[in-house]
Protein backbone atom coordinates (compact mmCIF):
# COMPACT_ATOMS: atom_id res chain seq x y z
CA UNK A 1 79.18 -49.22 -204.42
CA UNK A 2 77.16 -48.19 -207.45
CA UNK A 3 74.64 -46.38 -205.24
CA UNK A 4 77.44 -44.54 -203.47
CA UNK A 5 78.90 -43.37 -206.79
CA UNK A 6 75.48 -42.22 -208.01
CA UNK A 7 74.91 -40.30 -204.76
CA UNK A 8 78.34 -38.66 -204.99
CA UNK A 9 77.63 -37.65 -208.58
CA UNK A 10 74.24 -36.20 -207.63
CA UNK A 11 75.86 -34.10 -204.91
CA UNK A 12 78.75 -32.99 -207.11
CA UNK A 13 76.67 -31.71 -210.01
CA UNK A 14 75.04 -28.80 -208.09
CA UNK A 15 78.43 -27.81 -206.69
CA UNK A 16 79.94 -27.70 -210.19
CA UNK A 17 77.06 -25.53 -211.37
CA UNK A 18 77.31 -23.16 -208.39
CA UNK A 19 79.17 -19.85 -208.59
CA UNK A 20 81.18 -18.31 -205.79
CA UNK A 21 81.48 -14.65 -204.83
CA UNK A 22 83.80 -13.13 -202.26
CA UNK A 23 83.30 -9.59 -201.03
CA UNK A 24 84.44 -6.88 -198.66
CA UNK A 25 82.19 -4.30 -197.07
CA UNK A 26 82.14 -1.06 -195.13
CA UNK A 27 79.36 -0.93 -192.54
CA UNK A 28 77.59 1.59 -190.35
CA UNK A 29 75.80 0.11 -187.35
CA UNK A 30 73.13 1.84 -185.27
CA UNK A 31 72.03 0.07 -182.06
CA UNK A 32 68.22 0.25 -182.04
CA UNK A 33 67.48 -1.33 -178.65
CA UNK A 34 66.42 0.48 -175.51
CA UNK A 35 69.70 0.66 -173.55
CA UNK A 36 68.12 2.10 -170.40
CA UNK A 37 67.88 0.09 -167.16
CA UNK A 38 66.80 0.92 -163.59
CA UNK A 39 70.23 2.36 -162.72
CA UNK A 40 70.56 4.62 -165.76
CA UNK A 41 71.51 4.05 -169.39
CA UNK A 42 74.33 2.39 -171.30
CA UNK A 43 74.72 4.61 -174.34
CA UNK A 44 75.91 2.89 -177.53
CA UNK A 45 76.16 5.46 -180.35
CA UNK A 46 76.42 4.84 -184.08
CA UNK A 47 79.62 3.04 -185.09
CA UNK A 48 81.49 2.12 -188.26
CA UNK A 49 83.21 -1.14 -189.11
CA UNK A 50 84.08 -3.59 -191.86
CA UNK A 51 83.24 -7.08 -192.99
CA UNK A 52 83.97 -9.89 -195.44
CA UNK A 53 81.69 -12.43 -197.09
CA UNK A 54 81.56 -15.55 -199.24
CA UNK A 55 78.38 -16.21 -201.22
CA UNK A 56 77.46 -19.33 -203.17
CA UNK A 57 74.89 -18.97 -205.98
CA UNK A 58 73.11 -22.30 -206.32
CA UNK A 59 70.90 -20.86 -209.07
CA UNK A 60 70.66 -17.40 -210.62
CA UNK A 61 68.12 -16.36 -207.99
CA UNK A 62 69.02 -18.39 -204.89
CA UNK A 63 72.23 -18.00 -202.90
CA UNK A 64 73.69 -18.65 -199.46
CA UNK A 65 76.01 -16.11 -197.84
CA UNK A 66 78.44 -16.55 -194.97
CA UNK A 67 79.66 -13.21 -193.59
CA UNK A 68 81.71 -11.80 -190.75
CA UNK A 69 81.18 -8.19 -189.62
CA UNK A 70 83.12 -6.25 -187.00
CA UNK A 71 82.16 -2.95 -185.34
CA UNK A 72 83.47 -1.19 -182.26
CA UNK A 73 80.93 1.25 -180.76
CA UNK A 74 81.79 3.42 -177.78
CA UNK A 75 80.08 2.57 -174.49
CA UNK A 76 79.14 5.37 -172.07
CA UNK A 77 77.44 4.58 -168.77
CA UNK A 78 75.10 7.37 -167.71
CA UNK A 79 74.08 6.68 -164.06
CA UNK A 80 70.64 7.78 -162.86
CA UNK A 81 71.92 8.22 -159.29
CA UNK A 82 75.13 9.74 -157.88
CA UNK A 83 77.88 9.90 -158.89
CA UNK A 84 76.37 12.08 -161.63
CA UNK A 85 79.43 11.88 -163.87
CA UNK A 86 79.24 9.62 -166.90
CA UNK A 87 81.56 6.62 -166.92
CA UNK A 88 83.61 5.88 -170.05
CA UNK A 89 83.59 2.10 -170.47
CA UNK A 90 85.76 2.07 -173.59
CA UNK A 91 84.37 0.31 -176.64
CA UNK A 92 82.07 -2.67 -176.97
CA UNK A 93 83.64 -4.74 -179.73
CA UNK A 94 80.91 -6.60 -181.62
CA UNK A 95 81.67 -9.46 -184.01
CA UNK A 96 78.71 -10.83 -186.00
CA UNK A 97 79.03 -14.13 -187.89
CA UNK A 98 75.98 -14.68 -190.08
CA UNK A 99 74.66 -17.36 -192.42
CA UNK A 100 71.71 -16.33 -194.58
CA UNK A 101 69.71 -17.57 -197.53
CA UNK A 102 69.03 -14.92 -200.18
CA UNK A 103 66.56 -14.58 -203.02
CA UNK A 104 67.46 -12.29 -205.96
CA UNK A 105 64.36 -10.95 -207.69
CA UNK A 106 65.91 -9.82 -211.01
CA UNK A 107 69.10 -11.82 -211.29
CA UNK A 108 69.52 -11.13 -215.02
CA UNK A 109 69.13 -7.33 -214.68
CA UNK A 110 71.87 -4.81 -214.02
CA UNK A 111 70.05 -3.71 -210.83
CA UNK A 112 68.85 -6.69 -208.80
CA UNK A 113 67.01 -6.32 -205.46
CA UNK A 114 67.30 -9.14 -202.95
CA UNK A 115 65.92 -10.24 -199.60
CA UNK A 116 67.21 -12.80 -197.15
CA UNK A 117 67.03 -14.29 -193.68
CA UNK A 118 69.20 -16.49 -191.52
CA UNK A 119 70.98 -16.89 -188.21
CA UNK A 120 73.86 -15.20 -186.43
CA UNK A 121 76.47 -15.91 -183.79
CA UNK A 122 77.45 -12.69 -181.98
CA UNK A 123 80.38 -12.11 -179.67
CA UNK A 124 80.78 -8.95 -177.59
CA UNK A 125 83.94 -7.65 -175.98
CA UNK A 126 84.44 -6.69 -172.35
CA UNK A 127 83.59 -3.33 -170.83
CA UNK A 128 86.17 -1.69 -168.54
CA UNK A 129 86.26 1.80 -167.10
CA UNK A 130 88.98 3.81 -168.80
CA UNK A 131 90.26 5.58 -165.68
CA UNK A 132 90.98 2.61 -163.43
CA UNK A 133 90.02 -0.99 -162.85
CA UNK A 134 86.89 -0.53 -160.73
CA UNK A 135 84.44 -1.88 -163.34
CA UNK A 136 84.54 -4.93 -165.58
CA UNK A 137 81.59 -6.42 -167.47
CA UNK A 138 81.73 -9.54 -169.66
CA UNK A 139 79.25 -10.95 -172.17
CA UNK A 140 78.74 -14.58 -173.25
CA UNK A 141 78.24 -15.48 -176.90
CA UNK A 142 74.72 -14.92 -178.21
CA UNK A 143 72.75 -16.45 -181.08
CA UNK A 144 69.91 -14.74 -182.90
CA UNK A 145 68.33 -14.42 -186.35
CA UNK A 146 68.55 -11.68 -188.94
CA UNK A 147 66.56 -10.25 -191.82
CA UNK A 148 68.18 -8.37 -194.69
CA UNK A 149 67.36 -6.63 -197.94
CA UNK A 150 69.18 -4.55 -200.51
CA UNK A 151 70.06 -4.04 -204.14
CA UNK A 152 73.00 -5.22 -206.23
CA UNK A 153 74.51 -3.52 -209.28
CA UNK A 154 76.34 -5.55 -211.94
CA UNK A 155 79.33 -3.36 -212.81
CA UNK A 156 81.07 -6.07 -214.83
CA UNK A 157 80.28 -9.75 -215.37
CA UNK A 158 82.60 -10.63 -212.49
CA UNK A 159 82.15 -7.51 -210.29
CA UNK A 160 79.08 -6.48 -208.28
CA UNK A 161 78.39 -3.54 -206.01
CA UNK A 162 75.89 -4.01 -203.21
CA UNK A 163 73.99 -1.70 -200.88
CA UNK A 164 72.17 -3.56 -198.13
CA UNK A 165 70.58 -3.32 -194.72
CA UNK A 166 70.17 -5.98 -192.03
CA UNK A 167 68.53 -6.12 -188.64
CA UNK A 168 68.85 -8.62 -185.81
CA UNK A 169 67.14 -8.63 -182.38
CA UNK A 170 69.93 -8.98 -179.84
CA UNK A 171 69.69 -8.69 -176.07
CA UNK A 172 73.06 -9.52 -174.52
CA UNK A 173 73.34 -10.93 -171.00
CA UNK A 174 75.90 -9.03 -168.90
CA UNK A 175 78.09 -10.65 -166.25
CA UNK A 176 79.49 -8.09 -163.81
CA UNK A 177 82.97 -9.30 -162.84
CA UNK A 178 83.99 -6.23 -160.87
CA UNK A 179 82.17 -3.15 -159.53
CA UNK A 180 84.19 -1.31 -156.91
CA UNK A 181 83.17 2.31 -157.47
CA UNK A 182 82.69 4.34 -154.29
CA UNK A 183 79.83 5.14 -154.21
CA UNK A 184 79.03 2.07 -156.27
CA UNK A 185 77.26 2.60 -159.61
CA UNK A 186 74.54 0.23 -160.74
CA UNK A 187 75.37 -1.81 -163.84
CA UNK A 188 72.92 -3.43 -166.29
CA UNK A 189 72.21 -7.17 -166.25
CA UNK A 190 71.16 -7.10 -169.91
CA UNK A 191 71.99 -4.82 -172.82
CA UNK A 192 69.54 -4.47 -175.72
CA UNK A 193 71.70 -3.88 -178.79
CA UNK A 194 69.36 -4.77 -181.71
CA UNK A 195 71.85 -3.68 -184.40
CA UNK A 196 70.61 -2.13 -187.63
CA UNK A 197 73.49 -2.36 -190.11
CA UNK A 198 73.84 -0.50 -193.40
CA UNK A 199 76.59 -1.82 -195.66
CA UNK A 200 78.24 -0.96 -198.94
CA UNK A 201 80.12 -3.83 -200.53
CA UNK A 202 82.02 -4.91 -203.61
CA UNK A 203 82.09 -8.58 -204.60
CA UNK A 204 84.01 -10.60 -207.17
CA UNK A 205 82.45 -13.65 -208.82
CA UNK A 206 84.51 -16.68 -209.82
């Protein structure tokens, strides 16, 4: 019993010393992958979104952040063969759930750069043609890793502003559920998204 109490105390002390931040962010995401395939191209333009985060500072320089980010880029299928008309597939909703370890280089300064790395669980919404029900494409959940960097500004002791950028390699597998166009258009089996995300955030420390 004594060993159990000592172990519980050893685990509790770092948690008592840790500080918690919660934040909200506005993001701009640019897919960086090559979205072309033998049958044409699935065009995913720049998109805006939002996110929320919780960050635990174990020391002044080392933290762990859990974040959720949501963007909704348009998806336009541009066939290489007839029919020549582009196909509006609505929007590809992307939800990114990330866990990263961060290192803050000048934690005691008003401006503090940081760098981090971690993993991500990504879910993508379905694609459906917007002028009928001839096409439907689904995507399974994907896991990948991310790298990030940025700078934080201490506005007040309990308020920080953050400007950051993150990148994750992401090639999503596509499952074609329905393709009944006449003449039939070719659909991709994989979509290279590779999102580069720029975010502006405000965080409150407790």
